[in-house]
Amino acid sequence: MLLTNFLHHFDPPTNEGLLRKVHAALAPNGRAVTLEFVPNDDRVSPPDAATFSMVMLGSTAHGDAYTFAELERMFSNAGFSRSEHFRQSPMPESVIISQR
């Protein structure tokens, strides 16, 4: 299943609810592929992802540009066994592949 630029609009509990539905819809060895702006744990780098956090702060009620650790926790809480993070230089977005 492909989730492109979607999770940043919502808070973690809302995302986990959606991800539980995604998990249930996948085949036993299925994967979810997510495209998102993912700041580093310092939340100030890389610049594009950090700037996007400010956009979410100003334009959504509860959205954020989540770090990989935050996204990994959401996927894990929804039942996924593991997630991997891939930066897509020179693109500002990252790909996260999560295994059912």
PDB file of N, CA and C in Angstrom:
ATOM      1  N   MET A   1       0.845  -1.164   0.000  1.00  0.00           N
ATOM      2  CA  MET A   1       0.000   0.000   0.000  1.00  0.00           C
ATOM      3  C   MET A   1       0.895   1.232   0.000  1.00  0.00           C
ATOM      4  N   LEU A   2       0.492   2.253  -0.694  1.00  0.00           N
ATOM      5  CA  LEU A   2       1.265   3.477  -0.841  1.00  0.00           C
ATOM      6  C   LEU A   2       0.589   4.613  -0.073  1.00  0.00           C
ATOM      7  N   LEU A   3       1.342   5.247   0.835  1.00  0.00           N
ATOM      8  CA  LEU A   3       0.859   6.385   1.622  1.00  0.00           C
ATOM      9  C   LEU A   3       1.752   7.577   1.297  1.00  0.00           C
ATOM     10  N   THR A   4       1.295   8.463   0.436  1.00  0.00           N
ATOM     11  CA  THR A   4       2.146   9.569  -0.004  1.00  0.00           C
ATOM     12  C   THR A   4       1.710  10.888   0.612  1.00  0.00           C
ATOM     13  N   ASN A   5       2.629  11.500   1.346  1.00  0.00           N
ATOM     14  CA  ASN A   5       2.412  12.835   1.920  1.00  0.00           C
ATOM     15  C   ASN A   5       1.055  12.955   2.600  1.00  0.00           C
ATOM     16  N   PHE A   6       0.781  12.031   3.497  1.00  0.00           N
ATOM     17  CA  PHE A   6      -0.528  11.975   4.143  1.00  0.00           C
ATOM     18  C   PHE A   6      -0.438  12.059   5.662  1.00  0.00           C
ATOM     19  N   LEU A   7       0.494  11.322   6.262  1.00  0.00           N
ATOM     20  CA  LEU A   7       0.544  11.200   7.718  1.00  0.00           C
ATOM     21  C   LEU A   7       0.843  12.516   8.420  1.00  0.00           C
ATOM     22  N   HIS A   8       1.530  13.421   7.759  1.00  0.00           N
ATOM     23  CA  HIS A   8       1.894  14.687   8.401  1.00  0.00           C
ATOM     24  C   HIS A   8       0.685  15.576   8.710  1.00  0.00           C
ATOM     25  N   HIS A   9      -0.472  15.275   8.169  1.00  0.00           N
ATOM     26  CA  HIS A   9      -1.667  16.081   8.409  1.00  0.00           C
ATOM     27  C   HIS A   9      -2.328  15.793   9.754  1.00  0.00           C
ATOM     28  N   PHE A  10      -1.968  14.682  10.409  1.00  0.00           N
ATOM     29  CA  PHE A  10      -2.716  14.211  11.569  1.00  0.00           C
ATOM     30  C   PHE A  10      -1.820  13.944  12.767  1.00  0.00           C
ATOM     31  N   ASP A  11      -2.430  13.835  13.944  1.00  0.00           N
ATOM     32  CA  ASP A  11      -1.687  13.514  15.161  1.00  0.00           C
ATOM     33  C   ASP A  11      -1.408  12.013  15.236  1.00  0.00           C
ATOM     34  N   PRO A  12      -0.476  11.600  16.099  1.00  0.00           N
ATOM     35  CA  PRO A  12      -0.127  10.176  16.176  1.00  0.00           C
ATOM     36  C   PRO A  12      -1.301   9.227  16.434  1.00  0.00           C
ATOM     37  N   PRO A  13      -2.231   9.518  17.364  1.00  0.00           N
ATOM     38  CA  PRO A  13      -3.339   8.569  17.550  1.00  0.00           C
ATOM     39  C   PRO A  13      -4.202   8.384  16.286  1.00  0.00           C
ATOM     40  N   THR A  14      -4.442   9.456  15.557  1.00  0.00           N
ATOM     41  CA  THR A  14      -5.218   9.358  14.315  1.00  0.00           C
ATOM     42  C   THR A  14      -4.442   8.530  13.292  1.00  0.00           C
ATOM     43  N   ASN A  15      -3.141   8.800  13.169  1.00  0.00           N
ATOM     44  CA  ASN A  15      -2.320   8.027  12.240  1.00  0.00           C
ATOM     45  C   ASN A  15      -2.296   6.548  12.611  1.00  0.00           C
ATOM     46  N   GLU A  16      -2.175   6.243  13.892  1.00  0.00           N
ATOM     47  CA  GLU A  16      -2.147   4.844  14.313  1.00  0.00           C
ATOM     48  C   GLU A  16      -3.455   4.139  13.983  1.00  0.00           C
ATOM     49  N   GLY A  17      -4.574   4.830  14.119  1.00  0.00           N
ATOM     50  CA  GLY A  17      -5.850   4.244  13.725  1.00  0.00           C
ATOM     51  C   GLY A  17      -5.887   3.918  12.243  1.00  0.00           C
ATOM     52  N   LEU A  18      -5.422   4.842  11.423  1.00  0.00           N
ATOM     53  CA  LEU A  18      -5.349   4.604   9.980  1.00  0.00           C
ATOM     54  C   LEU A  18      -4.385   3.456   9.674  1.00  0.00           C
ATOM     55  N   LEU A  19      -3.219   3.470  10.318  1.00  0.00           N
ATOM     56  CA  LEU A  19      -2.216   2.443  10.045  1.00  0.00           C
ATOM     57  C   LEU A  19      -2.677   1.052  10.479  1.00  0.00           C
ATOM     58  N   ARG A  20      -3.515   0.965  11.508  1.00  0.00           N
ATOM     59  CA  ARG A  20      -4.099  -0.333  11.881  1.00  0.00           C
ATOM     60  C   ARG A  20      -4.981  -0.866  10.747  1.00  0.00           C
ATOM     61  N   LYS A  21      -5.724   0.029  10.112  1.00  0.00           N
ATOM     62  CA  LYS A  21      -6.561  -0.375   8.973  1.00  0.00           C
ATOM     63  C   LYS A  21      -5.695  -0.797   7.786  1.00  0.00           C
ATOM     64  N   VAL A  22      -4.622  -0.064   7.546  1.00  0.00           N
ATOM     65  CA  VAL A  22      -3.688  -0.428   6.467  1.00  0.00           C
ATOM     66  C   VAL A  22      -3.096  -1.798   6.761  1.00  0.00           C
ATOM     67  N   HIS A  23      -2.656  -2.007   7.989  1.00  0.00           N
ATOM     68  CA  HIS A  23      -2.066  -3.286   8.401  1.00  0.00           C
ATOM     69  C   HIS A  23      -3.052  -4.426   8.153  1.00  0.00           C
ATOM     70  N   ALA A  24      -4.300  -4.244   8.543  1.00  0.00           N
ATOM     71  CA  ALA A  24      -5.321  -5.284   8.375  1.00  0.00           C
ATOM     72  C   ALA A  24      -5.605  -5.576   6.910  1.00  0.00           C
ATOM     73  N   ALA A  25      -5.442  -4.584   6.041  1.00  0.00           N
ATOM     74  CA  ALA A  25      -5.754  -4.749   4.621  1.00  0.00           C
ATOM     75  C   ALA A  25      -4.628  -5.422   3.836  1.00  0.00           C
ATOM     76  N   LEU A  26      -3.440  -5.483   4.418  1.00  0.00           N
ATOM     77  CA  LEU A  26      -2.295  -6.047   3.702  1.00  0.00           C
ATOM     78  C   LEU A  26      -2.269  -7.568   3.762  1.00  0.00           C
ATOM     79  N   ALA A  27      -1.696  -8.171   2.727  1.00  0.00           N
ATOM     80  CA  ALA A  27      -1.436  -9.611   2.722  1.00  0.00           C
ATOM     81  C   ALA A  27      -0.431  -9.921   3.832  1.00  0.00           C
ATOM     82  N   PRO A  28      -0.317 -11.191   4.250  1.00  0.00           N
ATOM     83  CA  PRO A  28       0.575 -11.548   5.360  1.00  0.00           C
ATOM     84  C   PRO A  28       2.004 -11.016   5.249  1.00  0.00           C
ATOM     85  N   ASN A  29       2.592 -10.977   4.083  1.00  0.00           N
ATOM     86  CA  ASN A  29       3.940 -10.433   3.924  1.00  0.00           C
ATOM     87  C   ASN A  29       3.937  -9.069   3.252  1.00  0.00           C
ATOM     88  N   GLY A  30       2.809  -8.369   3.329  1.00  0.00           N
ATOM     89  CA  GLY A  30       2.653  -7.093   2.647  1.00  0.00           C
ATOM     90  C   GLY A  30       3.474  -5.981   3.272  1.00  0.00           C
ATOM     91  N   ARG A  31       3.621  -4.914   2.518  1.00  0.00           N
ATOM     92  CA  ARG A  31       4.381  -3.752   2.961  1.00  0.00           C
ATOM     93  C   ARG A  31       3.601  -2.479   2.692  1.00  0.00           C
ATOM     94  N   ALA A  32       3.800  -1.514   3.562  1.00  0.00           N
ATOM     95  CA  ALA A  32       3.306  -0.159   3.341  1.00  0.00           C
ATOM     96  C   ALA A  32       4.520   0.695   2.977  1.00  0.00           C
ATOM     97  N   VAL A  33       4.380   1.467   1.914  1.00  0.00           N
ATOM     98  CA  VAL A  33       5.451   2.369   1.485  1.00  0.00           C
ATOM     99  C   VAL A  33       4.944   3.789   1.687  1.00  0.00           C
ATOM    100  N   THR A  34       5.672   4.542   2.508  1.00  0.00           N
ATOM    101  CA  THR A  34       5.256   5.879   2.902  1.00  0.00           C
ATOM    102  C   THR A  34       6.256   6.906   2.390  1.00  0.00           C
ATOM    103  N   LEU A  35       5.754   7.990   1.831  1.00  0.00           N
ATOM    104  CA  LEU A  35       6.582   9.110   1.386  1.00  0.00           C
ATOM    105  C   LEU A  35       6.242  10.297   2.283  1.00  0.00           C
ATOM    106  N   GLU A  36       7.236  10.825   2.984  1.00  0.00           N
ATOM    107  CA  GLU A  36       7.019  11.928   3.919  1.00  0.00           C
ATOM    108  C   GLU A  36       8.277  12.782   4.043  1.00  0.00           C
ATOM    109  N   PHE A  37       8.106  14.015   4.505  1.00  0.00           N
ATOM    110  CA  PHE A  37       9.221  14.829   4.971  1.00  0.00           C
ATOM    111  C   PHE A  37       9.583  14.292   6.351  1.00  0.00           C
ATOM    112  N   VAL A  38      10.837  13.886   6.555  1.00  0.00           N
ATOM    113  CA  VAL A  38      11.248  13.270   7.817  1.00  0.00           C
ATOM    114  C   VAL A  38      12.463  14.019   8.365  1.00  0.00           C
ATOM    115  N   PRO A  39      12.245  14.870   9.382  1.00  0.00           N
ATOM    116  CA  PRO A  39      13.397  15.545   9.979  1.00  0.00           C
ATOM    117  C   PRO A  39      14.228  14.572  10.809  1.00  0.00           C
ATOM    118  N   ASN A  40      15.488  14.920  11.019  1.00  0.00           N
ATOM    119  CA  ASN A  40      16.344  14.157  11.921  1.00  0.00           C
ATOM    120  C   ASN A  40      15.845  14.332  13.350  1.00  0.00           C
ATOM    121  N   ASP A  41      16.389  13.543  14.264  1.00  0.00           N
ATOM    122  CA  ASP A  41      15.967  13.625  15.665  1.00  0.00           C
ATOM    123  C   ASP A  41      16.183  15.013  16.267  1.00  0.00           C
ATOM    124  N   ASP A  42      17.130  15.788  15.729  1.00  0.00           N
ATOM    125  CA  ASP A  42      17.361  17.144  16.232  1.00  0.00           C
ATOM    126  C   ASP A  42      16.255  18.114  15.807  1.00  0.00           C
ATOM    127  N   ARG A  43      15.416  17.683  14.865  1.00  0.00           N
ATOM    128  CA  ARG A  43      14.259  18.421  14.347  1.00  0.00           C
ATOM    129  C   ARG A  43      14.626  19.739  13.657  1.00  0.00           C
ATOM    130  N   VAL A  44      15.920  19.987  13.393  1.00  0.00           N
ATOM    131  CA  VAL A  44      16.339  21.195  12.666  1.00  0.00           C
ATOM    132  C   VAL A  44      17.094  20.855  11.393  1.00  0.00           C
ATOM    133  N   SER A  45      17.254  19.591  11.105  1.00  0.00           N
ATOM    134  CA  SER A  45      17.917  19.156   9.872  1.00  0.00           C
ATOM    135  C   SER A  45      17.205  17.905   9.368  1.00  0.00           C
ATOM    136  N   PRO A  46      17.284  17.627   8.089  1.00  0.00           N
ATOM    137  CA  PRO A  46      17.732  18.525   7.030  1.00  0.00           C
ATOM    138  C   PRO A  46      16.789  19.721   6.909  1.00  0.00           C
ATOM    139  N   PRO A  47      17.271  20.815   6.336  1.00  0.00           N
ATOM    140  CA  PRO A  47      16.503  22.071   6.324  1.00  0.00           C
ATOM    141  C   PRO A  47      15.092  21.965   5.748  1.00  0.00           C
ATOM    142  N   ASP A  48      14.911  21.261   4.632  1.00  0.00           N
ATOM    143  CA  ASP A  48      13.573  21.182   4.023  1.00  0.00           C
ATOM    144  C   ASP A  48      12.574  20.486   4.940  1.00  0.00           C
ATOM    145  N   ALA A  49      12.985  19.409   5.567  1.00  0.00           N
ATOM    146  CA  ALA A  49      12.084  18.680   6.462  1.00  0.00           C
ATOM    147  C   ALA A  49      11.793  19.502   7.715  1.00  0.00           C
ATOM    148  N   ALA A  50      12.799  20.187   8.242  1.00  0.00           N
ATOM    149  CA  ALA A  50      12.600  21.024   9.420  1.00  0.00           C
ATOM    150  C   ALA A  50      11.664  22.191   9.112  1.00  0.00           C
ATOM    151  N   THR A  51      11.836  22.805   7.955  1.00  0.00           N
ATOM    152  CA  THR A  51      10.956  23.900   7.543  1.00  0.00           C
ATOM    153  C   THR A  51       9.527  23.403   7.376  1.00  0.00           C
ATOM    154  N   PHE A  52       9.379  22.195   6.859  1.00  0.00           N
ATOM    155  CA  PHE A  52       8.044  21.642   6.674  1.00  0.00           C
ATOM    156  C   PHE A  52       7.321  21.466   8.012  1.00  0.00           C
ATOM    157  N   SER A  53       8.053  21.196   9.089  1.00  0.00           N
ATOM    158  CA  SER A  53       7.444  21.122  10.423  1.00  0.00           C
ATOM    159  C   SER A  53       6.749  22.438  10.764  1.00  0.00           C
ATOM    160  N   MET A  54       7.383  23.554  10.408  1.00  0.00           N
ATOM    161  CA  MET A  54       6.781  24.868  10.666  1.00  0.00           C
ATOM    162  C   MET A  54       5.519  25.075   9.837  1.00  0.00           C
ATOM    163  N   VAL A  55       5.527  24.594   8.604  1.00  0.00           N
ATOM    164  CA  VAL A  55       4.333  24.688   7.753  1.00  0.00           C
ATOM    165  C   VAL A  55       3.181  23.924   8.399  1.00  0.00           C
ATOM    166  N   MET A  56       3.451  22.733   8.912  1.00  0.00           N
ATOM    167  CA  MET A  56       2.406  21.929   9.551  1.00  0.00           C
ATOM    168  C   MET A  56       1.914  22.589  10.826  1.00  0.00           C
ATOM    169  N   LEU A  57       2.805  23.211  11.582  1.00  0.00           N
ATOM    170  CA  LEU A  57       2.419  23.918  12.800  1.00  0.00           C
ATOM    171  C   LEU A  57       1.441  25.049  12.487  1.00  0.00           C
ATOM    172  N   GLY A  58       1.707  25.759  11.404  1.00  0.00           N
ATOM    173  CA  GLY A  58       0.869  26.895  11.050  1.00  0.00           C
ATOM    174  C   GLY A  58      -0.364  26.573  10.237  1.00  0.00           C
ATOM    175  N   SER A  59      -0.441  25.381   9.653  1.00  0.00           N
ATOM    176  CA  SER A  59      -1.544  25.119   8.722  1.00  0.00           C
ATOM    177  C   SER A  59      -2.424  23.919   9.072  1.00  0.00           C
ATOM    178  N   THR A  60      -2.119  23.208  10.154  1.00  0.00           N
ATOM    179  CA  THR A  60      -2.956  22.081  10.566  1.00  0.00           C
ATOM    180  C   THR A  60      -3.241  22.173  12.060  1.00  0.00           C
ATOM    181  N   ALA A  61      -4.312  21.541  12.486  1.00  0.00           N
ATOM    182  CA  ALA A  61      -4.645  21.530  13.915  1.00  0.00           C
ATOM    183  C   ALA A  61      -3.681  20.670  14.715  1.00  0.00           C
ATOM    184  N   HIS A  62      -3.243  19.543  14.142  1.00  0.00           N
ATOM    185  CA  HIS A  62      -2.415  18.607  14.902  1.00  0.00           C
ATOM    186  C   HIS A  62      -1.300  17.978  14.080  1.00  0.00           C
ATOM    187  N   GLY A  63      -1.067  18.452  12.873  1.00  0.00           N
ATOM    188  CA  GLY A  63      -0.075  17.819  12.013  1.00  0.00           C
ATOM    189  C   GLY A  63       1.355  18.156  12.400  1.00  0.00           C
ATOM    190  N   ASP A  64       2.283  17.387  11.827  1.00  0.00           N
ATOM    191  CA  ASP A  64       3.703  17.585  12.107  1.00  0.00           C
ATOM    192  C   ASP A  64       4.514  16.828  11.061  1.00  0.00           C
ATOM    193  N   ALA A  65       5.754  17.233  10.892  1.00  0.00           N
ATOM    194  CA  ALA A  65       6.702  16.427  10.123  1.00  0.00           C
ATOM    195  C   ALA A  65       7.378  15.544  11.160  1.00  0.00           C
ATOM    196  N   TYR A  66       7.046  14.261  11.163  1.00  0.00           N
ATOM    197  CA  TYR A  66       7.492  13.346  12.206  1.00  0.00           C
ATOM    198  C   TYR A  66       8.885  12.805  11.918  1.00  0.00           C
ATOM    199  N   THR A  67       9.660  12.625  12.985  1.00  0.00           N
ATOM    200  CA  THR A  67      10.964  11.987  12.855  1.00  0.00           C
ATOM    201  C   THR A  67      10.745  10.507  12.526  1.00  0.00           C
ATOM    202  N   PHE A  68      11.816   9.851  12.075  1.00  0.00           N
ATOM    203  CA  PHE A  68      11.683   8.425  11.795  1.00  0.00           C
ATOM    204  C   PHE A  68      11.320   7.657  13.059  1.00  0.00           C
ATOM    205  N   ALA A  69      11.898   8.018  14.199  1.00  0.00           N
ATOM    206  CA  ALA A  69      11.567   7.329  15.459  1.00  0.00           C
ATOM    207  C   ALA A  69      10.073   7.451  15.765  1.00  0.00           C
ATOM    208  N   GLU A  70       9.499   8.617  15.522  1.00  0.00           N
ATOM    209  CA  GLU A  70       8.063   8.813  15.767  1.00  0.00           C
ATOM    210  C   GLU A  70       7.225   7.993  14.795  1.00  0.00           C
ATOM    211  N   LEU A  71       7.606   7.999  13.519  1.00  0.00           N
ATOM    212  CA  LEU A  71       6.880   7.207  12.520  1.00  0.00           C
ATOM    213  C   LEU A  71       7.014   5.714  12.809  1.00  0.00           C
ATOM    214  N   GLU A  72       8.215   5.285  13.151  1.00  0.00           N
ATOM    215  CA  GLU A  72       8.455   3.876  13.461  1.00  0.00           C
ATOM    216  C   GLU A  72       7.573   3.428  14.628  1.00  0.00           C
ATOM    217  N   ARG A  73       7.444   4.281  15.654  1.00  0.00           N
ATOM    218  CA  ARG A  73       6.587   3.964  16.801  1.00  0.00           C
ATOM    219  C   ARG A  73       5.119   3.852  16.373  1.00  0.00           C
ATOM    220  N   MET A  74       4.664   4.754  15.507  1.00  0.00           N
ATOM    221  CA  MET A  74       3.274   4.690  15.024  1.00  0.00           C
ATOM    222  C   MET A  74       3.022   3.385  14.275  1.00  0.00           C
ATOM    223  N   PHE A  75       3.939   3.029  13.375  1.00  0.00           N
ATOM    224  CA  PHE A  75       3.783   1.782  12.623  1.00  0.00           C
ATOM    225  C   PHE A  75       3.829   0.574  13.554  1.00  0.00           C
ATOM    226  N   SER A  76       4.729   0.579  14.503  1.00  0.00           N
ATOM    227  CA  SER A  76       4.832  -0.526  15.458  1.00  0.00           C
ATOM    228  C   SER A  76       3.565  -0.651  16.297  1.00  0.00           C
ATOM    229  N   ASN A  77       3.056   0.464  16.792  1.00  0.00           N
ATOM    230  CA  ASN A  77       1.818   0.451  17.580  1.00  0.00           C
ATOM    231  C   ASN A  77       0.628  -0.045  16.768  1.00  0.00           C
ATOM    232  N   ALA A  78       0.706   0.107  15.448  1.00  0.00           N
ATOM    233  CA  ALA A  78      -0.370  -0.352  14.560  1.00  0.00           C
ATOM    234  C   ALA A  78      -0.195  -1.823  14.165  1.00  0.00           C
ATOM    235  N   GLY A  79       0.893  -2.463  14.605  1.00  0.00           N
ATOM    236  CA  GLY A  79       1.075  -3.887  14.348  1.00  0.00           C
ATOM    237  C   GLY A  79       2.145  -4.249  13.342  1.00  0.00           C
ATOM    238  N   PHE A  80       2.813  -3.272  12.736  1.00  0.00           N
ATOM    239  CA  PHE A  80       3.862  -3.575  11.763  1.00  0.00           C
ATOM    240  C   PHE A  80       5.090  -4.122  12.486  1.00  0.00           C
ATOM    241  N   SER A  81       5.771  -5.078  11.857  1.00  0.00           N
ATOM    242  CA  SER A  81       6.905  -5.740  12.510  1.00  0.00           C
ATOM    243  C   SER A  81       8.193  -4.928  12.453  1.00  0.00           C
ATOM    244  N   ARG A  82       8.389  -4.173  11.388  1.00  0.00           N
ATOM    245  CA  ARG A  82       9.596  -3.336  11.288  1.00  0.00           C
ATOM    246  C   ARG A  82       9.397  -2.280  10.205  1.00  0.00           C
ATOM    247  N   SER A  83      10.185  -1.220  10.320  1.00  0.00           N
ATOM    248  CA  SER A  83      10.171  -0.146   9.337  1.00  0.00           C
ATOM    249  C   SER A  83      11.610   0.252   9.023  1.00  0.00           C
ATOM    250  N   GLU A  84      11.838   0.627   7.757  1.00  0.00           N
ATOM    251  CA  GLU A  84      13.148   1.085   7.317  1.00  0.00           C
ATOM    252  C   GLU A  84      13.005   2.464   6.681  1.00  0.00           C
ATOM    253  N   HIS A  85      14.006   3.304   6.892  1.00  0.00           N
ATOM    254  CA  HIS A  85      13.989   4.685   6.432  1.00  0.00           C
ATOM    255  C   HIS A  85      15.022   4.868   5.323  1.00  0.00           C
ATOM    256  N   PHE A  86      14.588   5.458   4.212  1.00  0.00           N
ATOM    257  CA  PHE A  86      15.476   5.697   3.075  1.00  0.00           C
ATOM    258  C   PHE A  86      15.357   7.153   2.648  1.00  0.00           C
ATOM    259  N   ARG A  87      16.440   7.896   2.800  1.00  0.00           N
ATOM    260  CA  ARG A  87      16.473   9.274   2.282  1.00  0.00           C
ATOM    261  C   ARG A  87      16.597   9.203   0.768  1.00  0.00           C
ATOM    262  N   GLN A  88      15.970  10.133   0.067  1.00  0.00           N
ATOM    263  CA  GLN A  88      15.936  10.118  -1.392  1.00  0.00           C
ATOM    264  C   GLN A  88      16.611  11.359  -1.962  1.00  0.00           C
ATOM    265  N   SER A  89      17.866  11.556  -1.621  1.00  0.00           N
ATOM    266  CA  SER A  89      18.606  12.716  -2.094  1.00  0.00           C
ATOM    267  C   SER A  89      18.644  12.727  -3.626  1.00  0.00           C
ATOM    268  N   PRO A  90      18.400  13.832  -4.254  1.00  0.00           N
ATOM    269  CA  PRO A  90      18.279  15.186  -3.738  1.00  0.00           C
ATOM    270  C   PRO A  90      16.855  15.585  -3.361  1.00  0.00           C
ATOM    271  N   MET A  91      15.914  14.669  -3.427  1.00  0.00           N
ATOM    272  CA  MET A  91      14.539  14.990  -3.038  1.00  0.00           C
ATOM    273  C   MET A  91      14.484  15.281  -1.536  1.00  0.00           C
ATOM    274  N   PRO A  92      13.603  16.178  -1.113  1.00  0.00           N
ATOM    275  CA  PRO A  92      13.518  16.493   0.324  1.00  0.00           C
ATOM    276  C   PRO A  92      12.734  15.442   1.120  1.00  0.00           C
ATOM    277  N   GLU A  93      12.014  14.569   0.431  1.00  0.00           N
ATOM    278  CA  GLU A  93      11.206  13.574   1.137  1.00  0.00           C
ATOM    279  C   GLU A  93      11.960  12.256   1.296  1.00  0.00           C
ATOM    280  N   SER A  94      11.506  11.489   2.262  1.00  0.00           N
ATOM    281  CA  SER A  94      12.064  10.178   2.535  1.00  0.00           C
ATOM    282  C   SER A  94      11.019   9.110   2.248  1.00  0.00           C
ATOM    283  N   VAL A  95      11.497   7.879   2.046  1.00  0.00           N
ATOM    284  CA  VAL A  95      10.629   6.723   1.892  1.00  0.00           C
ATOM    285  C   VAL A  95      10.790   5.868   3.142  1.00  0.00           C
ATOM    286  N   ILE A  96       9.665   5.437   3.696  1.00  0.00           N
ATOM    287  CA  ILE A  96       9.660   4.492   4.811  1.00  0.00           C
ATOM    288  C   ILE A  96       8.938   3.246   4.327  1.00  0.00           C
ATOM    289  N   ILE A  97       9.604   2.102   4.442  1.00  0.00           N
ATOM    290  CA  ILE A  97       8.992   0.833   4.051  1.00  0.00           C
ATOM    291  C   ILE A  97       8.741   0.042   5.328  1.00  0.00           C
ATOM    292  N   SER A  98       7.473  -0.279   5.563  1.00  0.00           N
ATOM    293  CA  SER A  98       7.060  -0.964   6.781  1.00  0.00           C
ATOM    294  C   SER A  98       6.490  -2.327   6.433  1.00  0.00           C
ATOM    295  N   GLN A  99       7.011  -3.348   7.100  1.00  0.00           N
ATOM    296  CA  GLN A  99       6.617  -4.734   6.873  1.00  0.00           C
ATOM    297  C   GLN A  99       5.480  -5.123   7.799  1.00  0.00           C
ATOM    298  N   ARG A 100       4.462  -5.779   7.223  1.00  0.00           N
ATOM    299  CA  ARG A 100       3.334  -6.250   8.043  1.00  0.00           C
ATOM    300  C   ARG A 100       3.769  -7.210   9.073  1.00  0.00           C
TER     301      ARG A 100
END
